[in-house]
Amino acid sequence: MSDRYARQRLLAAVGELGQQRIAAATYVVTGDAETEAVVEREYLVRAGASRLEARREPAATFAHAATFRHPAARDFAAGAWRALTQLRRVLKQG
């Protein structure tokens, strides 16, 4: 495993096994706006994901969208939320 993820492996929620799960999982990148998909993909890749599938399907509803006044900020937050939701799901497996 690369030293790139050393700090993540130190986290109790991730650890060595969790980092292996992140790397082995397949992730689906969706997004209604291009910014959402780019942010989601970037978060996943930086976490260590290597298998990404882009799909044109309705994305999960971002419950906190109304919090953001500017559409660009809303799209960025929605993409990050979707990536973190997928990572959380992968780490809870097993």
PDB file of N, CA and C in Angstrom:
ATOM      1  N   MET A   1       0.852  -1.177   0.000  1.00  0.00           N
ATOM      2  CA  MET A   1       0.000   0.000   0.000  1.00  0.00           C
ATOM      3  C   MET A   1       0.901   1.244   0.000  1.00  0.00           C
ATOM      4  N   SER A   2       0.514   2.216  -0.737  1.00  0.00           N
ATOM      5  CA  SER A   2       1.281   3.442  -0.888  1.00  0.00           C
ATOM      6  C   SER A   2       1.267   4.269   0.401  1.00  0.00           C
ATOM      7  N   ASP A   3       2.344   5.015   0.618  1.00  0.00           N
ATOM      8  CA  ASP A   3       2.394   5.930   1.765  1.00  0.00           C
ATOM      9  C   ASP A   3       1.397   7.076   1.614  1.00  0.00           C
ATOM     10  N   ARG A   4       0.843   7.229   0.423  1.00  0.00           N
ATOM     11  CA  ARG A   4      -0.118   8.289   0.165  1.00  0.00           C
ATOM     12  C   ARG A   4      -1.306   8.213   1.132  1.00  0.00           C
ATOM     13  N   TYR A   5      -1.673   7.021   1.565  1.00  0.00           N
ATOM     14  CA  TYR A   5      -2.838   6.831   2.415  1.00  0.00           C
ATOM     15  C   TYR A   5      -2.478   6.521   3.867  1.00  0.00           C
ATOM     16  N   ALA A   6      -1.251   6.784   4.243  1.00  0.00           N
ATOM     17  CA  ALA A   6      -0.780   6.466   5.597  1.00  0.00           C
ATOM     18  C   ALA A   6      -1.621   7.160   6.670  1.00  0.00           C
ATOM     19  N   ARG A   7      -1.970   8.410   6.451  1.00  0.00           N
ATOM     20  CA  ARG A   7      -2.751   9.129   7.466  1.00  0.00           C
ATOM     21  C   ARG A   7      -4.164   8.572   7.582  1.00  0.00           C
ATOM     22  N   GLN A   8      -4.746   8.155   6.468  1.00  0.00           N
ATOM     23  CA  GLN A   8      -6.076   7.554   6.527  1.00  0.00           C
ATOM     24  C   GLN A   8      -6.042   6.243   7.292  1.00  0.00           C
ATOM     25  N   ARG A   9      -4.984   5.468   7.094  1.00  0.00           N
ATOM     26  CA  ARG A   9      -4.882   4.180   7.770  1.00  0.00           C
ATOM     27  C   ARG A   9      -4.725   4.357   9.276  1.00  0.00           C
ATOM     28  N   LEU A  10      -4.254   5.507   9.726  1.00  0.00           N
ATOM     29  CA  LEU A  10      -4.125   5.776  11.155  1.00  0.00           C
ATOM     30  C   LEU A  10      -5.476   6.035  11.823  1.00  0.00           C
ATOM     31  N   LEU A  11      -6.469   6.381  11.044  1.00  0.00           N
ATOM     32  CA  LEU A  11      -7.798   6.646  11.593  1.00  0.00           C
ATOM     33  C   LEU A  11      -8.465   5.344  12.008  1.00  0.00           C
ATOM     34  N   ALA A  12      -9.050   5.335  13.189  1.00  0.00           N
ATOM     35  CA  ALA A  12      -9.724   4.128  13.675  1.00  0.00           C
ATOM     36  C   ALA A  12     -10.851   3.699  12.744  1.00  0.00           C
ATOM     37  N   ALA A  13     -11.517   4.647  12.113  1.00  0.00           N
ATOM     38  CA  ALA A  13     -12.632   4.337  11.223  1.00  0.00           C
ATOM     39  C   ALA A  13     -12.178   3.715   9.900  1.00  0.00           C
ATOM     40  N   VAL A  14     -10.909   3.856   9.575  1.00  0.00           N
ATOM     41  CA  VAL A  14     -10.395   3.326   8.300  1.00  0.00           C
ATOM     42  C   VAL A  14      -9.465   2.158   8.562  1.00  0.00           C
ATOM     43  N   GLY A  15      -8.300   2.419   9.081  1.00  0.00           N
ATOM     44  CA  GLY A  15      -7.328   1.360   9.331  1.00  0.00           C
ATOM     45  C   GLY A  15      -6.840   0.704   8.047  1.00  0.00           C
ATOM     46  N   GLU A  16      -6.022  -0.294   8.179  1.00  0.00           N
ATOM     47  CA  GLU A  16      -5.468  -1.006   7.017  1.00  0.00           C
ATOM     48  C   GLU A  16      -6.565  -1.737   6.246  1.00  0.00           C
ATOM     49  N   LEU A  17      -7.445  -2.424   6.968  1.00  0.00           N
ATOM     50  CA  LEU A  17      -8.519  -3.177   6.320  1.00  0.00           C
ATOM     51  C   LEU A  17      -9.472  -2.240   5.583  1.00  0.00           C
ATOM     52  N   GLY A  18      -9.808  -1.128   6.201  1.00  0.00           N
ATOM     53  CA  GLY A  18     -10.691  -0.157   5.569  1.00  0.00           C
ATOM     54  C   GLY A  18     -10.087   0.421   4.303  1.00  0.00           C
ATOM     55  N   GLN A  19      -8.790   0.703   4.323  1.00  0.00           N
ATOM     56  CA  GLN A  19      -8.136   1.233   3.129  1.00  0.00           C
ATOM     57  C   GLN A  19      -8.135   0.195   2.015  1.00  0.00           C
ATOM     58  N   GLN A  20      -7.978  -1.058   2.372  1.00  0.00           N
ATOM     59  CA  GLN A  20      -8.056  -2.126   1.369  1.00  0.00           C
ATOM     60  C   GLN A  20      -9.464  -2.215   0.786  1.00  0.00           C
ATOM     61  N   ARG A  21     -10.474  -2.046   1.631  1.00  0.00           N
ATOM     62  CA  ARG A  21     -11.862  -2.056   1.147  1.00  0.00           C
ATOM     63  C   ARG A  21     -12.128  -0.893   0.209  1.00  0.00           C
ATOM     64  N   ILE A  22     -11.607   0.277   0.561  1.00  0.00           N
ATOM     65  CA  ILE A  22     -11.777   1.453  -0.300  1.00  0.00           C
ATOM     66  C   ILE A  22     -11.180   1.184  -1.673  1.00  0.00           C
ATOM     67  N   ALA A  23      -9.985   0.612  -1.700  1.00  0.00           N
ATOM     68  CA  ALA A  23      -9.304   0.349  -2.967  1.00  0.00           C
ATOM     69  C   ALA A  23      -9.997  -0.736  -3.789  1.00  0.00           C
ATOM     70  N   ALA A  24     -10.603  -1.702  -3.142  1.00  0.00           N
ATOM     71  CA  ALA A  24     -11.197  -2.837  -3.843  1.00  0.00           C
ATOM     72  C   ALA A  24     -12.626  -2.590  -4.331  1.00  0.00           C
ATOM     73  N   ALA A  25     -13.312  -1.642  -3.745  1.00  0.00           N
ATOM     74  CA  ALA A  25     -14.723  -1.404  -4.076  1.00  0.00           C
ATOM     75  C   ALA A  25     -14.883  -0.731  -5.433  1.00  0.00           C
ATOM     76  N   THR A  26     -16.065  -0.896  -5.996  1.00  0.00           N
ATOM     77  CA  THR A  26     -16.446  -0.205  -7.221  1.00  0.00           C
ATOM     78  C   THR A  26     -17.437   0.882  -6.838  1.00  0.00           C
ATOM     79  N   TYR A  27     -17.230   2.079  -7.347  1.00  0.00           N
ATOM     80  CA  TYR A  27     -18.051   3.231  -7.001  1.00  0.00           C
ATOM     81  C   TYR A  27     -18.793   3.718  -8.236  1.00  0.00           C
ATOM     82  N   VAL A  28     -20.016   4.165  -8.032  1.00  0.00           N
ATOM     83  CA  VAL A  28     -20.823   4.712  -9.118  1.00  0.00           C
ATOM     84  C   VAL A  28     -20.857   6.225  -8.957  1.00  0.00           C
ATOM     85  N   VAL A  29     -20.382   6.921  -9.976  1.00  0.00           N
ATOM     86  CA  VAL A  29     -20.364   8.385  -9.956  1.00  0.00           C
ATOM     87  C   VAL A  29     -21.546   8.878 -10.778  1.00  0.00           C
ATOM     88  N   THR A  30     -22.428   9.601 -10.117  1.00  0.00           N
ATOM     89  CA  THR A  30     -23.576  10.195 -10.783  1.00  0.00           C
ATOM     90  C   THR A  30     -23.554  11.677 -10.480  1.00  0.00           C
ATOM     91  N   GLY A  31     -24.413  12.380 -11.076  1.00  0.00           N
ATOM     92  CA  GLY A  31     -24.489  13.801 -10.768  1.00  0.00           C
ATOM     93  C   GLY A  31     -25.337  14.512 -11.789  1.00  0.00           C
ATOM     94  N   ASP A  32     -26.205  15.368 -11.304  1.00  0.00           N
ATOM     95  CA  ASP A  32     -27.052  16.136 -12.198  1.00  0.00           C
ATOM     96  C   ASP A  32     -26.266  17.277 -12.839  1.00  0.00           C
ATOM     97  N   ALA A  33     -25.294  17.775 -12.149  1.00  0.00           N
ATOM     98  CA  ALA A  33     -24.458  18.858 -12.659  1.00  0.00           C
ATOM     99  C   ALA A  33     -23.037  18.337 -12.819  1.00  0.00           C
ATOM    100  N   GLU A  34     -22.318  18.877 -13.766  1.00  0.00           N
ATOM    101  CA  GLU A  34     -20.956  18.419 -14.019  1.00  0.00           C
ATOM    102  C   GLU A  34     -20.068  18.626 -12.794  1.00  0.00           C
ATOM    103  N   THR A  35     -20.250  19.731 -12.098  1.00  0.00           N
ATOM    104  CA  THR A  35     -19.442  20.000 -10.915  1.00  0.00           C
ATOM    105  C   THR A  35     -19.625  18.908  -9.870  1.00  0.00           C
ATOM    106  N   GLU A  36     -20.851  18.455  -9.681  1.00  0.00           N
ATOM    107  CA  GLU A  36     -21.112  17.396  -8.707  1.00  0.00           C
ATOM    108  C   GLU A  36     -20.307  16.146  -9.025  1.00  0.00           C
ATOM    109  N   ALA A  37     -20.357  15.721 -10.282  1.00  0.00           N
ATOM    110  CA  ALA A  37     -19.662  14.499 -10.691  1.00  0.00           C
ATOM    111  C   ALA A  37     -18.148  14.654 -10.572  1.00  0.00           C
ATOM    112  N   VAL A  38     -17.622  15.800 -10.930  1.00  0.00           N
ATOM    113  CA  VAL A  38     -16.172  16.040 -10.842  1.00  0.00           C
ATOM    114  C   VAL A  38     -15.719  15.996  -9.384  1.00  0.00           C
ATOM    115  N   VAL A  39     -16.448  16.643  -8.507  1.00  0.00           N
ATOM    116  CA  VAL A  39     -16.096  16.664  -7.081  1.00  0.00           C
ATOM    117  C   VAL A  39     -16.221  15.264  -6.493  1.00  0.00           C
ATOM    118  N   GLU A  40     -17.287  14.559  -6.817  1.00  0.00           N
ATOM    119  CA  GLU A  40     -17.482  13.200  -6.304  1.00  0.00           C
ATOM    120  C   GLU A  40     -16.330  12.291  -6.741  1.00  0.00           C
ATOM    121  N   ARG A  41     -15.990  12.351  -8.015  1.00  0.00           N
ATOM    122  CA  ARG A  41     -14.890  11.541  -8.556  1.00  0.00           C
ATOM    123  C   ARG A  41     -13.566  11.892  -7.880  1.00  0.00           C
ATOM    124  N   GLU A  42     -13.301  13.171  -7.714  1.00  0.00           N
ATOM    125  CA  GLU A  42     -12.045  13.618  -7.103  1.00  0.00           C
ATOM    126  C   GLU A  42     -11.919  13.145  -5.657  1.00  0.00           C
ATOM    127  N   TYR A  43     -12.984  13.270  -4.886  1.00  0.00           N
ATOM    128  CA  TYR A  43     -12.960  12.795  -3.499  1.00  0.00           C
ATOM    129  C   TYR A  43     -12.678  11.301  -3.442  1.00  0.00           C
ATOM    130  N   LEU A  44     -13.338  10.534  -4.291  1.00  0.00           N
ATOM    131  CA  LEU A  44     -13.159   9.083  -4.284  1.00  0.00           C
ATOM    132  C   LEU A  44     -11.736   8.684  -4.663  1.00  0.00           C
ATOM    133  N   VAL A  45     -11.210   9.307  -5.711  1.00  0.00           N
ATOM    134  CA  VAL A  45      -9.848   8.985  -6.155  1.00  0.00           C
ATOM    135  C   VAL A  45      -8.835   9.350  -5.079  1.00  0.00           C
ATOM    136  N   ARG A  46      -8.998  10.495  -4.468  1.00  0.00           N
ATOM    137  CA  ARG A  46      -8.056  10.911  -3.425  1.00  0.00           C
ATOM    138  C   ARG A  46      -8.137  10.046  -2.173  1.00  0.00           C
ATOM    139  N   ALA A  47      -9.280   9.386  -1.971  1.00  0.00           N
ATOM    140  CA  ALA A  47      -9.426   8.472  -0.838  1.00  0.00           C
ATOM    141  C   ALA A  47      -8.797   7.116  -1.132  1.00  0.00           C
ATOM    142  N   GLY A  48      -8.526   6.844  -2.413  1.00  0.00           N
ATOM    143  CA  GLY A  48      -7.897   5.582  -2.780  1.00  0.00           C
ATOM    144  C   GLY A  48      -8.726   4.689  -3.675  1.00  0.00           C
ATOM    145  N   ALA A  49      -9.883   5.170  -4.107  1.00  0.00           N
ATOM    146  CA  ALA A  49     -10.734   4.386  -5.008  1.00  0.00           C
ATOM    147  C   ALA A  49     -10.071   4.284  -6.373  1.00  0.00           C
ATOM    148  N   SER A  50     -10.150   3.101  -6.972  1.00  0.00           N
ATOM    149  CA  SER A  50      -9.551   2.933  -8.292  1.00  0.00           C
ATOM    150  C   SER A  50     -10.564   2.493  -9.341  1.00  0.00           C
ATOM    151  N   ARG A  51     -11.702   1.975  -8.912  1.00  0.00           N
ATOM    152  CA  ARG A  51     -12.720   1.522  -9.867  1.00  0.00           C
ATOM    153  C   ARG A  51     -13.946   2.427  -9.769  1.00  0.00           C
ATOM    154  N   LEU A  52     -14.069   3.288 -10.770  1.00  0.00           N
ATOM    155  CA  LEU A  52     -15.190   4.222 -10.817  1.00  0.00           C
ATOM    156  C   LEU A  52     -16.015   3.958 -12.069  1.00  0.00           C
ATOM    157  N   GLU A  53     -17.323   3.968 -11.927  1.00  0.00           N
ATOM    158  CA  GLU A  53     -18.235   3.833 -13.054  1.00  0.00           C
ATOM    159  C   GLU A  53     -19.065   5.106 -13.143  1.00  0.00           C
ATOM    160  N   ALA A  54     -19.081   5.713 -14.307  1.00  0.00           N
ATOM    161  CA  ALA A  54     -19.919   6.893 -14.518  1.00  0.00           C
ATOM    162  C   ALA A  54     -21.254   6.420 -15.069  1.00  0.00           C
ATOM    163  N   ARG A  55     -22.327   6.863 -14.456  1.00  0.00           N
ATOM    164  CA  ARG A  55     -23.665   6.476 -14.906  1.00  0.00           C
ATOM    165  C   ARG A  55     -24.559   7.695 -14.995  1.00  0.00           C
ATOM    166  N   ARG A  56     -25.393   7.658 -15.996  1.00  0.00           N
ATOM    167  CA  ARG A  56     -26.410   8.699 -16.152  1.00  0.00           C
ATOM    168  C   ARG A  56     -27.684   8.199 -15.502  1.00  0.00           C
ATOM    169  N   GLU A  57     -27.825   8.473 -14.255  1.00  0.00           N
ATOM    170  CA  GLU A  57     -29.026   8.101 -13.518  1.00  0.00           C
ATOM    171  C   GLU A  57     -29.257   9.156 -12.461  1.00  0.00           C
ATOM    172  N   PRO A  58     -30.454   9.234 -11.938  1.00  0.00           N
ATOM    173  CA  PRO A  58     -30.712  10.246 -10.909  1.00  0.00           C
ATOM    174  C   PRO A  58     -29.795  10.042  -9.703  1.00  0.00           C
ATOM    175  N   ALA A  59     -29.209  11.119  -9.283  1.00  0.00           N
ATOM    176  CA  ALA A  59     -28.314  11.070  -8.125  1.00  0.00           C
ATOM    177  C   ALA A  59     -29.141  11.114  -6.842  1.00  0.00           C
ATOM    178  N   ALA A  60     -28.541  10.648  -5.771  1.00  0.00           N
ATOM    179  CA  ALA A  60     -29.201  10.717  -4.465  1.00  0.00           C
ATOM    180  C   ALA A  60     -29.492  12.178  -4.130  1.00  0.00           C
ATOM    181  N   THR A  61     -30.609  12.402  -3.493  1.00  0.00           N
ATOM    182  CA  THR A  61     -31.004  13.761  -3.139  1.00  0.00           C
ATOM    183  C   THR A  61     -30.138  14.285  -2.006  1.00  0.00           C
ATOM    184  N   PHE A  62     -29.569  15.441  -2.226  1.00  0.00           N
ATOM    185  CA  PHE A  62     -28.735  16.096  -1.220  1.00  0.00           C
ATOM    186  C   PHE A  62     -29.652  16.878  -0.288  1.00  0.00           C
ATOM    187  N   ALA A  63     -29.837  16.363   0.906  1.00  0.00           N
ATOM    188  CA  ALA A  63     -30.813  16.915   1.845  1.00  0.00           C
ATOM    189  C   ALA A  63     -30.523  18.355   2.270  1.00  0.00           C
ATOM    190  N   HIS A  64     -29.287  18.783   2.213  1.00  0.00           N
ATOM    191  CA  HIS A  64     -28.918  20.107   2.702  1.00  0.00           C
ATOM    192  C   HIS A  64     -28.769  21.141   1.586  1.00  0.00           C
ATOM    193  N   ALA A  65     -29.309  20.856   0.421  1.00  0.00           N
ATOM    194  CA  ALA A  65     -29.151  21.752  -0.727  1.00  0.00           C
ATOM    195  C   ALA A  65     -29.650  23.162  -0.448  1.00  0.00           C
ATOM    196  N   ALA A  66     -30.738  23.284   0.296  1.00  0.00           N
ATOM    197  CA  ALA A  66     -31.318  24.597   0.567  1.00  0.00           C
ATOM    198  C   ALA A  66     -30.406  25.477   1.414  1.00  0.00           C
ATOM    199  N   THR A  67     -29.410  24.885   2.051  1.00  0.00           N
ATOM    200  CA  THR A  67     -28.478  25.633   2.896  1.00  0.00           C
ATOM    201  C   THR A  67     -27.581  26.552   2.068  1.00  0.00           C
ATOM    202  N   PHE A  68     -27.362  26.191   0.812  1.00  0.00           N
ATOM    203  CA  PHE A  68     -26.411  26.913  -0.036  1.00  0.00           C
ATOM    204  C   PHE A  68     -27.142  27.869  -0.976  1.00  0.00           C
ATOM    205  N   ARG A  69     -26.736  29.117  -0.963  1.00  0.00           N
ATOM    206  CA  ARG A  69     -27.360  30.126  -1.820  1.00  0.00           C
ATOM    207  C   ARG A  69     -26.885  30.035  -3.257  1.00  0.00           C
ATOM    208  N   HIS A  70     -25.606  29.770  -3.427  1.00  0.00           N
ATOM    209  CA  HIS A  70     -25.026  29.763  -4.766  1.00  0.00           C
ATOM    210  C   HIS A  70     -25.044  28.354  -5.351  1.00  0.00           C
ATOM    211  N   PRO A  71     -25.512  28.226  -6.588  1.00  0.00           N
ATOM    212  CA  PRO A  71     -25.597  26.910  -7.217  1.00  0.00           C
ATOM    213  C   PRO A  71     -24.261  26.170  -7.274  1.00  0.00           C
ATOM    214  N   ALA A  72     -23.173  26.875  -7.517  1.00  0.00           N
ATOM    215  CA  ALA A  72     -21.861  26.215  -7.594  1.00  0.00           C
ATOM    216  C   ALA A  72     -21.479  25.606  -6.248  1.00  0.00           C
ATOM    217  N   ALA A  73     -21.734  26.320  -5.176  1.00  0.00           N
ATOM    218  CA  ALA A  73     -21.434  25.797  -3.839  1.00  0.00           C
ATOM    219  C   ALA A  73     -22.323  24.603  -3.523  1.00  0.00           C
ATOM    220  N   ARG A  74     -23.573  24.673  -3.928  1.00  0.00           N
ATOM    221  CA  ARG A  74     -24.515  23.571  -3.715  1.00  0.00           C
ATOM    222  C   ARG A  74     -24.053  22.326  -4.483  1.00  0.00           C
ATOM    223  N   ASP A  75     -23.632  22.501  -5.736  1.00  0.00           N
ATOM    224  CA  ASP A  75     -23.154  21.371  -6.542  1.00  0.00           C
ATOM    225  C   ASP A  75     -21.896  20.758  -5.952  1.00  0.00           C
ATOM    226  N   PHE A  76     -20.978  21.602  -5.498  1.00  0.00           N
ATOM    227  CA  PHE A  76     -19.739  21.116  -4.881  1.00  0.00           C
ATOM    228  C   PHE A  76     -20.061  20.289  -3.637  1.00  0.00           C
ATOM    229  N   ALA A  77     -20.911  20.825  -2.778  1.00  0.00           N
ATOM    230  CA  ALA A  77     -21.269  20.128  -1.538  1.00  0.00           C
ATOM    231  C   ALA A  77     -22.005  18.824  -1.832  1.00  0.00           C
ATOM    232  N   ALA A  78     -22.857  18.809  -2.838  1.00  0.00           N
ATOM    233  CA  ALA A  78     -23.597  17.595  -3.188  1.00  0.00           C
ATOM    234  C   ALA A  78     -22.648  16.503  -3.667  1.00  0.00           C
ATOM    235  N   GLY A  79     -21.654  16.867  -4.477  1.00  0.00           N
ATOM    236  CA  GLY A  79     -20.681  15.885  -4.942  1.00  0.00           C
ATOM    237  C   GLY A  79     -19.853  15.320  -3.802  1.00  0.00           C
ATOM    238  N   ALA A  80     -19.422  16.171  -2.901  1.00  0.00           N
ATOM    239  CA  ALA A  80     -18.642  15.721  -1.743  1.00  0.00           C
ATOM    240  C   ALA A  80     -19.488  14.819  -0.855  1.00  0.00           C
ATOM    241  N   TRP A  81     -20.734  15.185  -0.637  1.00  0.00           N
ATOM    242  CA  TRP A  81     -21.633  14.391   0.195  1.00  0.00           C
ATOM    243  C   TRP A  81     -21.838  12.997  -0.394  1.00  0.00           C
ATOM    244  N   ARG A  82     -22.040  12.931  -1.717  1.00  0.00           N
ATOM    245  CA  ARG A  82     -22.240  11.626  -2.364  1.00  0.00           C
ATOM    246  C   ARG A  82     -20.996  10.751  -2.255  1.00  0.00           C
ATOM    247  N   ALA A  83     -19.820  11.329  -2.440  1.00  0.00           N
ATOM    248  CA  ALA A  83     -18.576  10.559  -2.316  1.00  0.00           C
ATOM    249  C   ALA A  83     -18.406  10.043  -0.886  1.00  0.00           C
ATOM    250  N   LEU A  84     -18.618  10.902   0.085  1.00  0.00           N
ATOM    251  CA  LEU A  84     -18.456  10.495   1.481  1.00  0.00           C
ATOM    252  C   LEU A  84     -19.486   9.449   1.888  1.00  0.00           C
ATOM    253  N   THR A  85     -20.687   9.532   1.331  1.00  0.00           N
ATOM    254  CA  THR A  85     -21.717   8.534   1.606  1.00  0.00           C
ATOM    255  C   THR A  85     -21.273   7.167   1.090  1.00  0.00           C
ATOM    256  N   GLN A  86     -20.711   7.123  -0.098  1.00  0.00           N
ATOM    257  CA  GLN A  86     -20.231   5.852  -0.654  1.00  0.00           C
ATOM    258  C   GLN A  86     -19.057   5.300   0.156  1.00  0.00           C
ATOM    259  N   LEU A  87     -18.136   6.164   0.539  1.00  0.00           N
ATOM    260  CA  LEU A  87     -16.992   5.715   1.336  1.00  0.00           C
ATOM    261  C   LEU A  87     -17.446   5.173   2.686  1.00  0.00           C
ATOM    262  N   ARG A  88     -18.384   5.858   3.310  1.00  0.00           N
ATOM    263  CA  ARG A  88     -18.918   5.403   4.596  1.00  0.00           C
ATOM    264  C   ARG A  88     -19.543   4.017   4.450  1.00  0.00           C
ATOM    265  N   ARG A  89     -20.288   3.804   3.375  1.00  0.00           N
ATOM    266  CA  ARG A  89     -20.931   2.512   3.135  1.00  0.00           C
ATOM    267  C   ARG A  89     -19.891   1.407   2.969  1.00  0.00           C
ATOM    268  N   VAL A  90     -18.829   1.684   2.237  1.00  0.00           N
ATOM    269  CA  VAL A  90     -17.768   0.700   2.023  1.00  0.00           C
ATOM    270  C   VAL A  90     -17.062   0.368   3.334  1.00  0.00           C
ATOM    271  N   LEU A  91     -16.806   1.369   4.157  1.00  0.00           N
ATOM    272  CA  LEU A  91     -16.104   1.131   5.423  1.00  0.00           C
ATOM    273  C   LEU A  91     -16.960   0.370   6.435  1.00  0.00           C
ATOM    274  N   LYS A  92     -18.264   0.451   6.337  1.00  0.00           N
ATOM    275  CA  LYS A  92     -19.139  -0.264   7.269  1.00  0.00           C
ATOM    276  C   LYS A  92     -19.347  -1.711   6.876  1.00  0.00           C
ATOM    277  N   GLN A  93     -18.958  -2.088   5.671  1.00  0.00           N
ATOM    278  CA  GLN A  93     -19.091  -3.486   5.245  1.00  0.00           C
ATOM    279  C   GLN A  93     -18.096  -4.325   6.002  1.00  0.00           C
ATOM    280  N   GLY A  94     -18.475  -5.574   6.244  1.00  0.00           N
ATOM    281  CA  GLY A  94     -17.540  -6.494   6.880  1.00  0.00           C
ATOM    282  C   GLY A  94     -17.693  -6.515   8.325  1.00  0.00           C
TER     283      GLY A  94
END
